Amino acid sequence: MKIYRGYDGKLRLFRPDLNAARLNMSSKRVSLPAFSEIEFVKLLKALMKVDGPSKTRHRHPSIHAEV
């Protein structure tokens, strides 16, 4: 999941809906339970409010979250 800071200073998730769908499809393939993609995106947004500001203030204005 790519997270970057926009010109307005706000954090943005890059295509969170498509990344959540891909992760859900992969989890089903390895027999893990399915999850709500909408809730997953909400969870990522909540995580970025807490952890994101400290992660995107470095030289590179974007990070990749391994989920």
PDB file of N, CA and C in Angstrom:
ATOM      1  N   MET A   1       0.857  -1.156   0.000  1.00  0.00           N
ATOM      2  CA  MET A   1       0.000   0.000   0.000  1.00  0.00           C
ATOM      3  C   MET A   1       0.908   1.224   0.000  1.00  0.00           C
ATOM      4  N   LYS A   2       0.802   2.059  -0.980  1.00  0.00           N
ATOM      5  CA  LYS A   2       1.624   3.265  -1.051  1.00  0.00           C
ATOM      6  C   LYS A   2       0.878   4.418  -0.379  1.00  0.00           C
ATOM      7  N   ILE A   3       1.593   5.105   0.478  1.00  0.00           N
ATOM      8  CA  ILE A   3       1.057   6.260   1.182  1.00  0.00           C
ATOM      9  C   ILE A   3       1.960   7.437   0.877  1.00  0.00           C
ATOM     10  N   TYR A   4       1.377   8.537   0.480  1.00  0.00           N
ATOM     11  CA  TYR A   4       2.197   9.707   0.160  1.00  0.00           C
ATOM     12  C   TYR A   4       1.530  10.971   0.675  1.00  0.00           C
ATOM     13  N   ARG A   5       2.304  12.023   0.744  1.00  0.00           N
ATOM     14  CA  ARG A   5       1.798  13.322   1.197  1.00  0.00           C
ATOM     15  C   ARG A   5       1.485  14.172  -0.028  1.00  0.00           C
ATOM     16  N   GLY A   6       0.262  14.687  -0.096  1.00  0.00           N
ATOM     17  CA  GLY A   6      -0.162  15.527  -1.211  1.00  0.00           C
ATOM     18  C   GLY A   6       0.402  16.930  -1.095  1.00  0.00           C
ATOM     19  N   TYR A   7       0.184  17.730  -2.130  1.00  0.00           N
ATOM     20  CA  TYR A   7       0.674  19.115  -2.123  1.00  0.00           C
ATOM     21  C   TYR A   7       0.071  19.934  -0.982  1.00  0.00           C
ATOM     22  N   ASP A   8      -1.129  19.524  -0.550  1.00  0.00           N
ATOM     23  CA  ASP A   8      -1.779  20.238   0.546  1.00  0.00           C
ATOM     24  C   ASP A   8      -1.315  19.761   1.923  1.00  0.00           C
ATOM     25  N   GLY A   9      -0.382  18.794   1.949  1.00  0.00           N
ATOM     26  CA  GLY A   9       0.161  18.294   3.199  1.00  0.00           C
ATOM     27  C   GLY A   9      -0.586  17.107   3.785  1.00  0.00           C
ATOM     28  N   LYS A  10      -1.725  16.746   3.208  1.00  0.00           N
ATOM     29  CA  LYS A  10      -2.503  15.616   3.719  1.00  0.00           C
ATOM     30  C   LYS A  10      -1.927  14.295   3.222  1.00  0.00           C
ATOM     31  N   LEU A  11      -2.068  13.263   4.062  1.00  0.00           N
ATOM     32  CA  LEU A  11      -1.625  11.931   3.663  1.00  0.00           C
ATOM     33  C   LEU A  11      -2.664  11.302   2.744  1.00  0.00           C
ATOM     34  N   ARG A  12      -2.199  10.574   1.761  1.00  0.00           N
ATOM     35  CA  ARG A  12      -3.085   9.927   0.802  1.00  0.00           C
ATOM     36  C   ARG A  12      -2.679   8.461   0.657  1.00  0.00           C
ATOM     37  N   LEU A  13      -3.688   7.604   0.535  1.00  0.00           N
ATOM     38  CA  LEU A  13      -3.464   6.195   0.223  1.00  0.00           C
ATOM     39  C   LEU A  13      -3.634   6.024  -1.277  1.00  0.00           C
ATOM     40  N   PHE A  14      -2.719   5.307  -1.901  1.00  0.00           N
ATOM     41  CA  PHE A  14      -2.780   5.097  -3.347  1.00  0.00           C
ATOM     42  C   PHE A  14      -3.655   3.882  -3.642  1.00  0.00           C
ATOM     43  N   ARG A  15      -4.780   4.087  -4.272  1.00  0.00           N
ATOM     44  CA  ARG A  15      -5.750   3.064  -4.669  1.00  0.00           C
ATOM     45  C   ARG A  15      -6.042   2.058  -3.553  1.00  0.00           C
ATOM     46  N   PRO A  16      -6.497   2.534  -2.397  1.00  0.00           N
ATOM     47  CA  PRO A  16      -6.706   1.606  -1.282  1.00  0.00           C
ATOM     48  C   PRO A  16      -7.768   0.553  -1.570  1.00  0.00           C
ATOM     49  N   ASP A  17      -8.804   0.913  -2.318  1.00  0.00           N
ATOM     50  CA  ASP A  17      -9.860  -0.054  -2.617  1.00  0.00           C
ATOM     51  C   ASP A  17      -9.341  -1.209  -3.480  1.00  0.00           C
ATOM     52  N   LEU A  18      -8.528  -0.906  -4.470  1.00  0.00           N
ATOM     53  CA  LEU A  18      -7.987  -1.957  -5.332  1.00  0.00           C
ATOM     54  C   LEU A  18      -6.950  -2.808  -4.602  1.00  0.00           C
ATOM     55  N   ASN A  19      -6.150  -2.174  -3.756  1.00  0.00           N
ATOM     56  CA  ASN A  19      -5.165  -2.927  -2.977  1.00  0.00           C
ATOM     57  C   ASN A  19      -5.850  -3.829  -1.954  1.00  0.00           C
ATOM     58  N   ALA A  20      -6.930  -3.360  -1.346  1.00  0.00           N
ATOM     59  CA  ALA A  20      -7.674  -4.191  -0.391  1.00  0.00           C
ATOM     60  C   ALA A  20      -8.304  -5.388  -1.102  1.00  0.00           C
ATOM     61  N   ALA A  21      -8.842  -5.166  -2.289  1.00  0.00           N
ATOM     62  CA  ALA A  21      -9.443  -6.267  -3.055  1.00  0.00           C
ATOM     63  C   ALA A  21      -8.380  -7.303  -3.422  1.00  0.00           C
ATOM     64  N   ARG A  22      -7.212  -6.839  -3.831  1.00  0.00           N
ATOM     65  CA  ARG A  22      -6.125  -7.759  -4.187  1.00  0.00           C
ATOM     66  C   ARG A  22      -5.669  -8.559  -2.975  1.00  0.00           C
ATOM     67  N   LEU A  23      -5.544  -7.896  -1.821  1.00  0.00           N
ATOM     68  CA  LEU A  23      -5.145  -8.586  -0.603  1.00  0.00           C
ATOM     69  C   LEU A  23      -6.196  -9.610  -0.192  1.00  0.00           C
ATOM     70  N   ASN A  24      -7.469  -9.256  -0.323  1.00  0.00           N
ATOM     71  CA  ASN A  24      -8.549 -10.172   0.023  1.00  0.00           C
ATOM     72  C   ASN A  24      -8.528 -11.398  -0.889  1.00  0.00           C
ATOM     73  N   MET A  25      -8.293 -11.194  -2.166  1.00  0.00           N
ATOM     74  CA  MET A  25      -8.225 -12.294  -3.117  1.00  0.00           C
ATOM     75  C   MET A  25      -7.037 -13.216  -2.779  1.00  0.00           C
ATOM     76  N   SER A  26      -5.916 -12.625  -2.437  1.00  0.00           N
ATOM     77  CA  SER A  26      -4.739 -13.415  -2.071  1.00  0.00           C
ATOM     78  C   SER A  26      -4.977 -14.207  -0.790  1.00  0.00           C
ATOM     79  N   SER A  27      -5.654 -13.598   0.177  1.00  0.00           N
ATOM     80  CA  SER A  27      -5.903 -14.307   1.435  1.00  0.00           C
ATOM     81  C   SER A  27      -6.833 -15.497   1.217  1.00  0.00           C
ATOM     82  N   LYS A  28      -7.815 -15.344   0.351  1.00  0.00           N
ATOM     83  CA  LYS A  28      -8.708 -16.469   0.041  1.00  0.00           C
ATOM     84  C   LYS A  28      -7.933 -17.601  -0.622  1.00  0.00           C
ATOM     85  N   ARG A  29      -6.980 -17.250  -1.469  1.00  0.00           N
ATOM     86  CA  ARG A  29      -6.195 -18.247  -2.191  1.00  0.00           C
ATOM     87  C   ARG A  29      -5.382 -19.130  -1.249  1.00  0.00           C
ATOM     88  N   VAL A  30      -4.959 -18.579  -0.118  1.00  0.00           N
ATOM     89  CA  VAL A  30      -4.177 -19.363   0.837  1.00  0.00           C
ATOM     90  C   VAL A  30      -5.023 -19.788   2.039  1.00  0.00           C
ATOM     91  N   SER A  31      -6.325 -19.809   1.841  1.00  0.00           N
ATOM     92  CA  SER A  31      -7.299 -20.314   2.833  1.00  0.00           C
ATOM     93  C   SER A  31      -7.377 -19.490   4.115  1.00  0.00           C
ATOM     94  N   LEU A  32      -7.129 -18.207   4.011  1.00  0.00           N
ATOM     95  CA  LEU A  32      -7.357 -17.312   5.139  1.00  0.00           C
ATOM     96  C   LEU A  32      -8.768 -16.742   5.011  1.00  0.00           C
ATOM     97  N   PRO A  33      -9.378 -16.374   6.101  1.00  0.00           N
ATOM     98  CA  PRO A  33     -10.738 -15.851   6.016  1.00  0.00           C
ATOM     99  C   PRO A  33     -10.793 -14.515   5.266  1.00  0.00           C
ATOM    100  N   ALA A  34     -11.906 -14.300   4.593  1.00  0.00           N
ATOM    101  CA  ALA A  34     -12.126 -13.035   3.888  1.00  0.00           C
ATOM    102  C   ALA A  34     -12.387 -11.932   4.915  1.00  0.00           C
ATOM    103  N   PHE A  35     -12.209 -10.698   4.499  1.00  0.00           N
ATOM    104  CA  PHE A  35     -12.444  -9.572   5.382  1.00  0.00           C
ATOM    105  C   PHE A  35     -13.183  -8.481   4.607  1.00  0.00           C
ATOM    106  N   SER A  36     -13.763  -7.566   5.336  1.00  0.00           N
ATOM    107  CA  SER A  36     -14.451  -6.436   4.722  1.00  0.00           C
ATOM    108  C   SER A  36     -13.411  -5.456   4.188  1.00  0.00           C
ATOM    109  N   GLU A  37     -13.432  -5.243   2.888  1.00  0.00           N
ATOM    110  CA  GLU A  37     -12.459  -4.328   2.275  1.00  0.00           C
ATOM    111  C   GLU A  37     -12.690  -2.896   2.735  1.00  0.00           C
ATOM    112  N   ILE A  38     -13.925  -2.532   2.959  1.00  0.00           N
ATOM    113  CA  ILE A  38     -14.244  -1.178   3.430  1.00  0.00           C
ATOM    114  C   ILE A  38     -13.664  -0.966   4.832  1.00  0.00           C
ATOM    115  N   GLU A  39     -13.833  -1.968   5.701  1.00  0.00           N
ATOM    116  CA  GLU A  39     -13.288  -1.867   7.059  1.00  0.00           C
ATOM    117  C   GLU A  39     -11.763  -1.854   7.049  1.00  0.00           C
ATOM    118  N   PHE A  40     -11.165  -2.596   6.130  1.00  0.00           N
ATOM    119  CA  PHE A  40      -9.710  -2.618   6.004  1.00  0.00           C
ATOM    120  C   PHE A  40      -9.182  -1.230   5.637  1.00  0.00           C
ATOM    121  N   VAL A  41      -9.839  -0.564   4.708  1.00  0.00           N
ATOM    122  CA  VAL A  41      -9.422   0.780   4.304  1.00  0.00           C
ATOM    123  C   VAL A  41      -9.599   1.749   5.473  1.00  0.00           C
ATOM    124  N   LYS A  42     -10.689   1.612   6.227  1.00  0.00           N
ATOM    125  CA  LYS A  42     -10.889   2.455   7.413  1.00  0.00           C
ATOM    126  C   LYS A  42      -9.762   2.247   8.425  1.00  0.00           C
ATOM    127  N   LEU A  43      -9.369   0.988   8.603  1.00  0.00           N
ATOM    128  CA  LEU A  43      -8.286   0.662   9.525  1.00  0.00           C
ATOM    129  C   LEU A  43      -6.970   1.297   9.073  1.00  0.00           C
ATOM    130  N   LEU A  44      -6.676   1.217   7.774  1.00  0.00           N
ATOM    131  CA  LEU A  44      -5.448   1.832   7.258  1.00  0.00           C
ATOM    132  C   LEU A  44      -5.457   3.345   7.451  1.00  0.00           C
ATOM    133  N   LYS A  45      -6.599   3.972   7.218  1.00  0.00           N
ATOM    134  CA  LYS A  45      -6.703   5.417   7.416  1.00  0.00           C
ATOM    135  C   LYS A  45      -6.474   5.789   8.878  1.00  0.00           C
ATOM    136  N   ALA A  46      -7.020   4.992   9.788  1.00  0.00           N
ATOM    137  CA  ALA A  46      -6.819   5.245  11.222  1.00  0.00           C
ATOM    138  C   ALA A  46      -5.349   5.063  11.594  1.00  0.00           C
ATOM    139  N   LEU A  47      -4.711   4.040  11.038  1.00  0.00           N
ATOM    140  CA  LEU A  47      -3.287   3.813  11.297  1.00  0.00           C
ATOM    141  C   LEU A  47      -2.447   4.978  10.780  1.00  0.00           C
ATOM    142  N   MET A  48      -2.772   5.490   9.628  1.00  0.00           N
ATOM    143  CA  MET A  48      -2.002   6.596   9.059  1.00  0.00           C
ATOM    144  C   MET A  48      -2.173   7.886   9.846  1.00  0.00           C
ATOM    145  N   LYS A  49      -3.320   8.063  10.495  1.00  0.00           N
ATOM    146  CA  LYS A  49      -3.480   9.241  11.348  1.00  0.00           C
ATOM    147  C   LYS A  49      -2.515   9.198  12.526  1.00  0.00           C
ATOM    148  N   VAL A  50      -2.246   7.991  13.022  1.00  0.00           N
ATOM    149  CA  VAL A  50      -1.369   7.823  14.174  1.00  0.00           C
ATOM    150  C   VAL A  50       0.091   7.728  13.748  1.00  0.00           C
ATOM    151  N   ASP A  51       0.380   6.869  12.784  1.00  0.00           N
ATOM    152  CA  ASP A  51       1.758   6.534  12.435  1.00  0.00           C
ATOM    153  C   ASP A  51       2.273   7.246  11.182  1.00  0.00           C
ATOM    154  N   GLY A  52       1.395   7.687  10.328  1.00  0.00           N
ATOM    155  CA  GLY A  52       1.786   8.258   9.046  1.00  0.00           C
ATOM    156  C   GLY A  52       2.615   9.525   9.104  1.00  0.00           C
ATOM    157  N   PRO A  53       2.243  10.495   9.930  1.00  0.00           N
ATOM    158  CA  PRO A  53       3.010  11.753   9.939  1.00  0.00           C
ATOM    159  C   PRO A  53       4.496  11.569  10.206  1.00  0.00           C
ATOM    160  N   SER A  54       4.843  10.660  11.091  1.00  0.00           N
ATOM    161  CA  SER A  54       6.268  10.457  11.390  1.00  0.00           C
ATOM    162  C   SER A  54       6.975   9.701  10.277  1.00  0.00           C
ATOM    163  N   LYS A  55       6.250   8.938   9.497  1.00  0.00           N
ATOM    164  CA  LYS A  55       6.863   8.113   8.453  1.00  0.00           C
ATOM    165  C   LYS A  55       7.091   8.875   7.146  1.00  0.00           C
ATOM    166  N   THR A  56       6.425   9.989   6.942  1.00  0.00           N
ATOM    167  CA  THR A  56       6.533  10.685   5.664  1.00  0.00           C
ATOM    168  C   THR A  56       7.251  12.025   5.746  1.00  0.00           C
ATOM    169  N   ARG A  57       7.964  12.274   6.806  1.00  0.00           N
ATOM    170  CA  ARG A  57       8.681  13.553   6.935  1.00  0.00           C
ATOM    171  C   ARG A  57      10.137  13.446   6.526  1.00  0.00           C
ATOM    172  N   HIS A  58      10.549  12.315   6.016  1.00  0.00           N
ATOM    173  CA  HIS A  58      11.938  12.100   5.641  1.00  0.00           C
ATOM    174  C   HIS A  58      12.180  12.548   4.201  1.00  0.00           C
ATOM    175  N   ARG A  59      13.329  12.201   3.665  1.00  0.00           N
ATOM    176  CA  ARG A  59      13.690  12.598   2.299  1.00  0.00           C
ATOM    177  C   ARG A  59      12.664  12.129   1.279  1.00  0.00           C
ATOM    178  N   HIS A  60      12.164  10.925   1.462  1.00  0.00           N
ATOM    179  CA  HIS A  60      11.199  10.372   0.512  1.00  0.00           C
ATOM    180  C   HIS A  60       9.790  10.666   1.022  1.00  0.00           C
ATOM    181  N   PRO A  61       8.985  11.380   0.265  1.00  0.00           N
ATOM    182  CA  PRO A  61       7.672  11.787   0.758  1.00  0.00           C
ATOM    183  C   PRO A  61       6.633  10.674   0.716  1.00  0.00           C
ATOM    184  N   SER A  62       7.023   9.444   0.372  1.00  0.00           N
ATOM    185  CA  SER A  62       6.055   8.362   0.362  1.00  0.00           C
ATOM    186  C   SER A  62       6.644   7.135   1.044  1.00  0.00           C
ATOM    187  N   ILE A  63       5.761   6.268   1.513  1.00  0.00           N
ATOM    188  CA  ILE A  63       6.178   5.016   2.142  1.00  0.00           C
ATOM    189  C   ILE A  63       5.351   3.892   1.553  1.00  0.00           C
ATOM    190  N   HIS A  64       5.830   2.692   1.728  1.00  0.00           N
ATOM    191  CA  HIS A  64       5.067   1.512   1.337  1.00  0.00           C
ATOM    192  C   HIS A  64       4.761   0.752   2.612  1.00  0.00           C
ATOM    193  N   ALA A  65       3.493   0.558   2.888  1.00  0.00           N
ATOM    194  CA  ALA A  65       3.074  -0.191   4.062  1.00  0.00           C
ATOM    195  C   ALA A  65       2.914  -1.645   3.681  1.00  0.00           C
ATOM    196  N   GLU A  66       3.646  -2.495   4.343  1.00  0.00           N
ATOM    197  CA  GLU A  66       3.544  -3.930   4.089  1.00  0.00           C
ATOM    198  C   GLU A  66       2.437  -4.475   4.966  1.00  0.00           C
ATOM    199  N   VAL A  67       1.382  -4.935   4.322  1.00  0.00           N
ATOM    200  CA  VAL A  67       0.250  -5.510   5.068  1.00  0.00           C
ATOM    201  C   VAL A  67      -0.030  -6.909   4.605  1.00  0.00           C
TER     202      VAL A  67
END
